[in-house]
């Protein structure tokens, strides 16, 4: 689809706001599963939270660093169920992280588990419905780029959607702006904060392109060679649906992956989920420090902006 030129930040903001209004209208009408359930379920308990974080594989240790206010298992939330993937707790938490009131989604529901798109992307839709401004997505990934060895963290600069579907398909059908621009999906300022957090904490880090596949089987060596030719630096089975949905709803998005294994054909032995979980446990301390520092930078920046606006 041809574009007449790059859109300004103001035009992009207007499009995001219109997308959000369209989704909200359709949620009420039943065209998509109602995100209004979030407000109904939580009431005013989540009011005033600017940040939401999805804790994927390798990032669950962050729960040791938060002050939990309230917590619910996913299966207690309307239309959801407990995650089936090992290492995914499946709880929604209202908590304070580095002094920042936040919404935490501990674990995720994956497309490969047979979940609907509504279930897969519920963190993004609930976060938007509750007034969140920024969504941080975390996950484990297989390294394709030679510098992305186990224990290295990759900030998403871009992605390649190889899942064979799109979470927006059929969602924006009432005359709304359904052709969403994704050229700046991963927020530049949030990416700078991720880089700075890694520098301060001396975390091995680089940016790259994440290839998202449907799973649950791991990729073949030939597929990994093809993904590398397409420009992918790492591969995984999540993040992208939530990121697309969050962008459609006007949220600023950042994402980081913990590399837990070389991708298929790049290591001498076969791949296993036990290897992924073990590598995630080894990287847990770094993941915890990394996300805590990012949140601290986010909070400091927000406080500085607030101070300037009050002068």
Protein backbone atom coordinates (compact mmCIF):
# COMPACT_ATOMS: atom_id res chain seq x y z
CA UNK A 1 0.00 0.00 0.00
CA UNK A 2 1.63 3.26 -1.13
CA UNK A 3 2.16 6.08 1.35
CA UNK A 4 2.21 9.73 0.36
CA UNK A 5 5.00 10.48 2.86
CA UNK A 6 6.13 10.07 6.43
CA UNK A 7 3.57 11.14 9.00
CA UNK A 8 4.45 13.66 11.70
CA UNK A 9 4.40 12.76 15.39
CA UNK A 10 1.21 14.81 15.76
CA UNK A 11 -0.50 12.90 12.94
CA UNK A 12 0.63 9.59 14.42
CA UNK A 13 -0.72 10.59 17.84
CA UNK A 14 -4.07 11.52 16.29
CA UNK A 15 -4.25 8.17 14.47
CA UNK A 16 -3.43 6.28 17.67
CA UNK A 17 -6.12 8.15 19.58
CA UNK A 18 -8.66 7.37 16.86
CA UNK A 19 -7.67 3.69 16.89
CA UNK A 20 -8.18 3.59 20.64
CA UNK A 21 -11.64 5.19 20.39
CA UNK A 22 -12.63 2.75 17.65
CA UNK A 23 -11.58 -0.27 19.70
CA UNK A 24 -13.42 1.06 22.75
CA UNK A 25 -16.63 1.54 20.74
CA UNK A 26 -16.41 -1.94 19.28
CA UNK A 27 -15.68 -3.40 22.72
CA UNK A 28 -18.95 -2.01 23.97
CA UNK A 29 -20.84 -3.23 20.91
CA UNK A 30 -19.31 -6.71 21.19
CA UNK A 31 -17.38 -6.59 17.92
CA UNK A 32 -14.36 -7.65 19.95
CA UNK A 33 -14.12 -9.11 23.45
CA UNK A 34 -14.82 -6.18 25.80
CA UNK A 35 -11.76 -4.57 27.34
CA UNK A 36 -14.34 -2.78 29.49
CA UNK A 37 -14.24 -5.98 31.56
CA UNK A 38 -10.93 -4.74 32.94
CA UNK A 39 -12.50 -1.65 34.48
CA UNK A 40 -15.47 -3.64 35.71
CA UNK A 41 -13.30 -6.30 37.32
CA UNK A 42 -10.67 -4.07 38.93
CA UNK A 43 -12.82 -1.03 39.63
CA UNK A 44 -10.65 1.91 40.66
CA UNK A 45 -7.85 -0.25 42.08
CA UNK A 46 -5.60 0.25 39.04
CA UNK A 47 -6.24 3.97 38.59
CA UNK A 48 -3.25 6.25 37.99
CA UNK A 49 -0.75 3.63 36.80
CA UNK A 50 1.36 4.70 33.84
CA UNK A 51 3.35 1.50 33.36
CA UNK A 52 2.50 -2.15 32.68
CA UNK A 53 5.04 -4.98 32.35
CA UNK A 54 4.53 -8.45 30.88
CA UNK A 55 6.94 -10.90 32.53
CA UNK A 56 7.83 -13.63 30.06
CA UNK A 57 10.24 -16.54 30.34
CA UNK A 58 13.36 -15.58 32.28
CA UNK A 59 11.85 -12.48 33.89
CA UNK A 60 9.67 -13.95 36.64
CA UNK A 61 12.36 -13.22 39.23
CA UNK A 62 11.29 -9.58 39.11
CA UNK A 63 8.40 -10.51 41.40
CA UNK A 64 10.96 -10.76 44.22
CA UNK A 65 11.55 -7.00 43.90
CA UNK A 66 7.99 -5.67 43.97
CA UNK A 67 5.61 -4.68 46.70
CA UNK A 68 2.37 -6.44 45.78
CA UNK A 69 -0.85 -4.63 46.60
CA UNK A 70 -3.36 -7.02 45.04
CA UNK A 71 -3.10 -10.15 42.91
CA UNK A 72 -5.41 -12.38 40.85
CA UNK A 73 -4.78 -15.64 38.96
CA UNK A 74 -5.52 -15.38 35.25
CA UNK A 75 -8.25 -17.99 35.49
CA UNK A 76 -10.18 -15.64 37.81
CA UNK A 77 -10.27 -12.94 35.10
CA UNK A 78 -13.15 -12.84 32.59
CA UNK A 79 -12.53 -15.05 29.56
CA UNK A 80 -9.03 -16.22 30.57
CA UNK A 81 -7.39 -19.40 31.80
CA UNK A 82 -4.15 -20.43 33.43
CA UNK A 83 -1.09 -20.49 31.14
CA UNK A 84 0.03 -23.93 30.03
CA UNK A 85 3.67 -23.12 29.32
CA UNK A 86 6.19 -24.00 32.05
CA UNK A 87 7.64 -20.97 33.80
CA UNK A 88 4.55 -18.79 33.32
CA UNK A 89 2.87 -18.11 36.66
CA UNK A 90 -0.32 -16.59 35.28
CA UNK A 91 -1.14 -13.76 37.68
CA UNK A 92 -2.16 -10.13 37.30
CA UNK A 93 -0.64 -7.98 40.02
CA UNK A 94 -1.05 -4.40 41.12
CA UNK A 95 2.33 -3.56 42.61
CA UNK A 96 4.93 -0.92 43.27
CA UNK A 97 8.17 -1.41 41.34
CA UNK A 98 11.02 0.89 42.29
CA UNK A 99 8.37 3.17 43.76
CA UNK A 100 6.40 3.26 40.50
CA UNK A 101 2.78 2.03 40.73
CA UNK A 102 2.52 -0.58 37.96
CA UNK A 103 0.41 -3.37 36.54
CA UNK A 104 2.33 -6.63 36.18
CA UNK A 105 1.26 -9.58 34.04
CA UNK A 106 3.28 -12.51 35.41
CA UNK A 107 3.35 -14.95 32.50
CA UNK A 108 1.45 -14.92 29.24
CA UNK A 109 -0.98 -16.99 27.21
CA UNK A 110 0.54 -18.12 23.92
CA UNK A 111 -1.02 -18.61 20.51
CA UNK A 112 0.50 -22.11 20.37
CA UNK A 113 -1.51 -23.13 23.45
CA UNK A 114 -4.67 -22.88 21.36
CA UNK A 115 -5.61 -19.52 22.85
CA UNK A 116 -7.69 -17.00 20.94
CA UNK A 117 -6.11 -13.72 19.89
CA UNK A 118 -8.28 -12.00 22.53
CA UNK A 119 -6.62 -14.14 25.21
CA UNK A 120 -3.11 -13.73 23.78
CA UNK A 121 -3.25 -9.93 23.65
CA UNK A 122 -5.28 -9.34 26.80
CA UNK A 123 -2.37 -7.64 28.65
CA UNK A 124 -2.20 -4.92 26.00
CA UNK A 125 -5.96 -4.42 25.91
CA UNK A 126 -6.40 -4.43 29.68
CA UNK A 127 -3.46 -2.06 30.12
CA UNK A 128 -4.98 0.37 27.60
CA UNK A 129 -8.43 0.12 29.17
CA UNK A 130 -6.92 0.96 32.57
CA UNK A 131 -5.19 4.09 31.34
CA UNK A 132 -1.61 2.80 31.11
CA UNK A 133 0.72 4.82 28.88
CA UNK A 134 3.74 2.49 28.50
CA UNK A 135 3.88 -1.29 28.01
CA UNK A 136 7.15 -3.16 28.54
CA UNK A 137 7.16 -6.65 27.04
CA UNK A 138 9.74 -9.29 28.04
CA UNK A 139 10.45 -12.78 26.74
CA UNK A 140 13.04 -15.46 26.07
CA UNK A 141 14.43 -15.92 22.56
CA UNK A 142 16.78 -18.03 20.50
CA UNK A 143 19.84 -16.21 19.22
CA UNK A 144 20.46 -16.02 15.48
CA UNK A 145 23.00 -13.20 15.32
CA UNK A 146 26.44 -14.54 16.33
CA UNK A 147 26.78 -11.95 19.11
CA UNK A 148 23.47 -12.96 20.69
CA UNK A 149 24.72 -15.76 22.90
CA UNK A 150 22.86 -17.17 25.93
CA UNK A 151 22.76 -14.55 28.68
CA UNK A 152 22.76 -11.57 26.31
CA UNK A 153 19.68 -9.32 26.28
CA UNK A 154 18.26 -7.96 23.03
CA UNK A 155 16.13 -4.84 22.84
CA UNK A 156 13.66 -5.02 19.98
CA UNK A 157 14.38 -2.45 17.30
CA UNK A 158 11.87 -4.05 14.94
CA UNK A 159 10.19 -7.38 14.26
CA UNK A 160 9.20 -9.77 11.50
CA UNK A 161 5.76 -11.32 11.99
CA UNK A 162 5.97 -14.92 10.79
CA UNK A 163 3.04 -16.17 12.89
CA UNK A 164 0.74 -16.45 9.88
CA UNK A 165 -1.89 -14.14 11.33
CA UNK A 166 -2.40 -10.68 12.79
CA UNK A 167 -4.23 -9.85 16.04
CA UNK A 168 -5.94 -6.88 14.37
CA UNK A 169 -7.58 -9.01 11.68
CA UNK A 170 -11.29 -8.35 11.81
CA UNK A 171 -10.96 -6.12 14.86
CA UNK A 172 -11.24 -2.69 13.27
CA UNK A 173 -14.27 -3.14 11.08
CA UNK A 174 -16.53 -0.15 11.64
CA UNK A 175 -14.89 2.37 9.35
CA UNK A 176 -11.97 2.80 11.76
CA UNK A 177 -8.34 3.32 10.67
CA UNK A 178 -7.42 -0.36 10.30
CA UNK A 179 -4.18 0.12 8.32
CA UNK A 180 -1.91 0.73 11.27
CA UNK A 181 1.54 2.20 10.66
CA UNK A 182 4.19 0.09 12.43
CA UNK A 183 7.32 1.85 11.20
CA UNK A 184 7.95 3.22 14.72
CA UNK A 185 6.33 0.49 16.78
CA UNK A 186 9.12 0.23 19.37
CA UNK A 187 9.36 3.65 21.01
CA UNK A 188 12.72 5.37 20.42
CA UNK A 189 12.87 7.08 23.83
CA UNK A 190 12.04 3.85 25.67
CA UNK A 191 14.72 2.06 23.66
CA UNK A 192 17.23 4.66 24.82
CA UNK A 193 16.20 3.95 28.41
CA UNK A 194 16.73 0.22 27.87
CA UNK A 195 20.22 0.87 26.49
CA UNK A 196 21.03 3.19 29.40
CA UNK A 197 19.73 0.65 31.94
CA UNK A 198 21.95 -2.04 30.43
CA UNK A 199 24.97 0.28 30.52
CA UNK A 200 24.46 1.22 34.17
CA UNK A 201 23.92 -2.39 35.27
CA UNK A 202 26.67 -3.71 32.95
CA UNK A 203 24.25 -6.09 31.30
CA UNK A 204 25.35 -7.59 27.94
CA UNK A 205 22.96 -5.96 25.50
CA UNK A 206 22.38 -5.15 21.86
CA UNK A 207 19.41 -4.18 19.74
CA UNK A 208 18.05 -6.35 16.99
CA UNK A 209 15.14 -7.66 14.95
CA UNK A 210 12.90 -10.32 16.49
CA UNK A 211 11.24 -12.94 14.30
CA UNK A 212 7.94 -14.16 15.77
CA UNK A 213 6.74 -17.66 14.88
CA UNK A 214 3.58 -19.48 15.93
CA UNK A 215 5.23 -22.50 17.59
CA UNK A 216 5.06 -24.72 19.51
CA UNK A 217 7.71 -26.71 17.61
CA UNK A 218 11.14 -25.17 17.40
CA UNK A 219 12.33 -24.02 14.00
CA UNK A 220 14.35 -26.12 11.58
CA UNK A 221 17.95 -25.15 10.77
CA UNK A 222 16.80 -24.25 7.23
CA UNK A 223 14.16 -21.91 8.64
CA UNK A 224 16.76 -20.21 10.82
CA UNK A 225 18.97 -19.65 7.78
CA UNK A 226 15.97 -18.12 5.99
CA UNK A 227 15.17 -15.90 8.98
CA UNK A 228 18.78 -14.72 9.08
CA UNK A 229 18.57 -13.84 5.39
CA UNK A 230 15.43 -11.83 6.13
CA UNK A 231 17.31 -9.81 8.73
CA UNK A 232 16.24 -11.51 11.97
CA UNK A 233 18.64 -11.48 14.92
CA UNK A 234 16.57 -13.62 17.30
CA UNK A 235 13.47 -15.79 17.18
CA UNK A 236 10.61 -16.48 19.59
CA UNK A 237 6.92 -17.30 19.93
CA UNK A 238 5.42 -14.22 21.58
CA UNK A 239 5.66 -10.42 22.04
CA UNK A 240 4.64 -9.35 18.53
CA UNK A 241 0.84 -9.80 18.90
CA UNK A 242 0.88 -7.82 22.16
CA UNK A 243 3.11 -5.12 20.67
CA UNK A 244 0.89 -4.65 17.60
CA UNK A 245 -2.25 -4.50 19.71
CA UNK A 246 -0.71 -2.05 22.18
CA UNK A 247 0.36 0.24 19.34
CA UNK A 248 -3.14 0.11 17.88
CA UNK A 249 -4.47 1.24 21.24
CA UNK A 250 -2.09 4.17 21.49
CA UNK A 251 0.38 2.77 24.03
CA UNK A 252 4.10 3.39 23.84
CA UNK A 253 5.84 0.02 23.52
CA UNK A 254 9.26 -1.33 24.49
CA UNK A 255 10.37 -4.95 24.39
CA UNK A 256 13.41 -6.90 25.51
CA UNK A 257 14.33 -10.55 25.06
CA UNK A 258 16.71 -12.67 27.11
CA UNK A 259 18.63 -14.95 24.77
CA UNK A 260 18.49 -18.42 26.32
CA UNK A 261 19.83 -20.62 23.53
CA UNK A 262 21.32 -20.56 20.04
CA UNK A 263 18.63 -21.03 17.41
CA UNK A 264 18.24 -24.37 15.62
CA UNK A 265 21.33 -25.49 13.72
CA UNK A 266 23.62 -23.03 15.50
CA UNK A 267 24.45 -25.31 18.43
CA UNK A 268 25.81 -28.87 18.43
CA UNK A 269 22.89 -30.43 20.32
CA UNK A 270 19.10 -30.49 19.99
CA UNK A 271 16.92 -27.75 21.47
CA UNK A 272 14.81 -28.31 24.57
CA UNK A 273 12.52 -26.22 26.71
CA UNK A 274 14.42 -27.41 29.78
CA UNK A 275 17.50 -25.67 28.34
CA UNK A 276 15.49 -22.47 27.89
CA UNK A 277 14.21 -22.58 31.49
CA UNK A 278 17.68 -23.34 32.87
CA UNK A 279 19.24 -20.45 30.94
CA UNK A 280 16.45 -18.19 32.14
CA UNK A 281 17.24 -19.11 35.73
CA UNK A 282 20.92 -18.32 35.19
CA UNK A 283 20.02 -14.91 33.73
CA UNK A 284 17.38 -14.15 36.39
CA UNK A 285 19.51 -11.82 38.49
CA UNK A 286 20.55 -9.79 35.46
CA UNK A 287 16.98 -9.63 34.21
CA UNK A 288 15.78 -8.37 37.57
CA UNK A 289 18.44 -5.65 37.79
CA UNK A 290 17.87 -4.65 34.16
CA UNK A 291 14.10 -4.14 34.47
CA UNK A 292 14.38 -2.43 37.86
CA UNK A 293 16.89 0.05 36.44
CA UNK A 294 14.68 0.69 33.40
CA UNK A 295 11.73 1.44 35.67
CA UNK A 296 13.87 3.73 37.81
CA UNK A 297 14.92 5.69 34.71
CA UNK A 298 11.31 5.82 33.54
CA UNK A 299 10.19 7.13 36.93
CA UNK A 300 12.98 9.73 37.15
CA UNK A 301 12.24 11.01 33.67
CA UNK A 302 8.51 11.26 34.37
CA UNK A 303 9.22 13.14 37.61
CA UNK A 304 11.54 15.57 35.80
CA UNK A 305 8.93 16.24 33.13
CA UNK A 306 6.31 16.81 35.78
CA UNK A 307 8.57 19.26 37.56
CA UNK A 308 9.19 21.21 34.35
CA UNK A 309 5.48 21.40 33.55
CA UNK A 310 4.78 22.87 37.01
CA UNK A 311 7.31 25.68 36.61
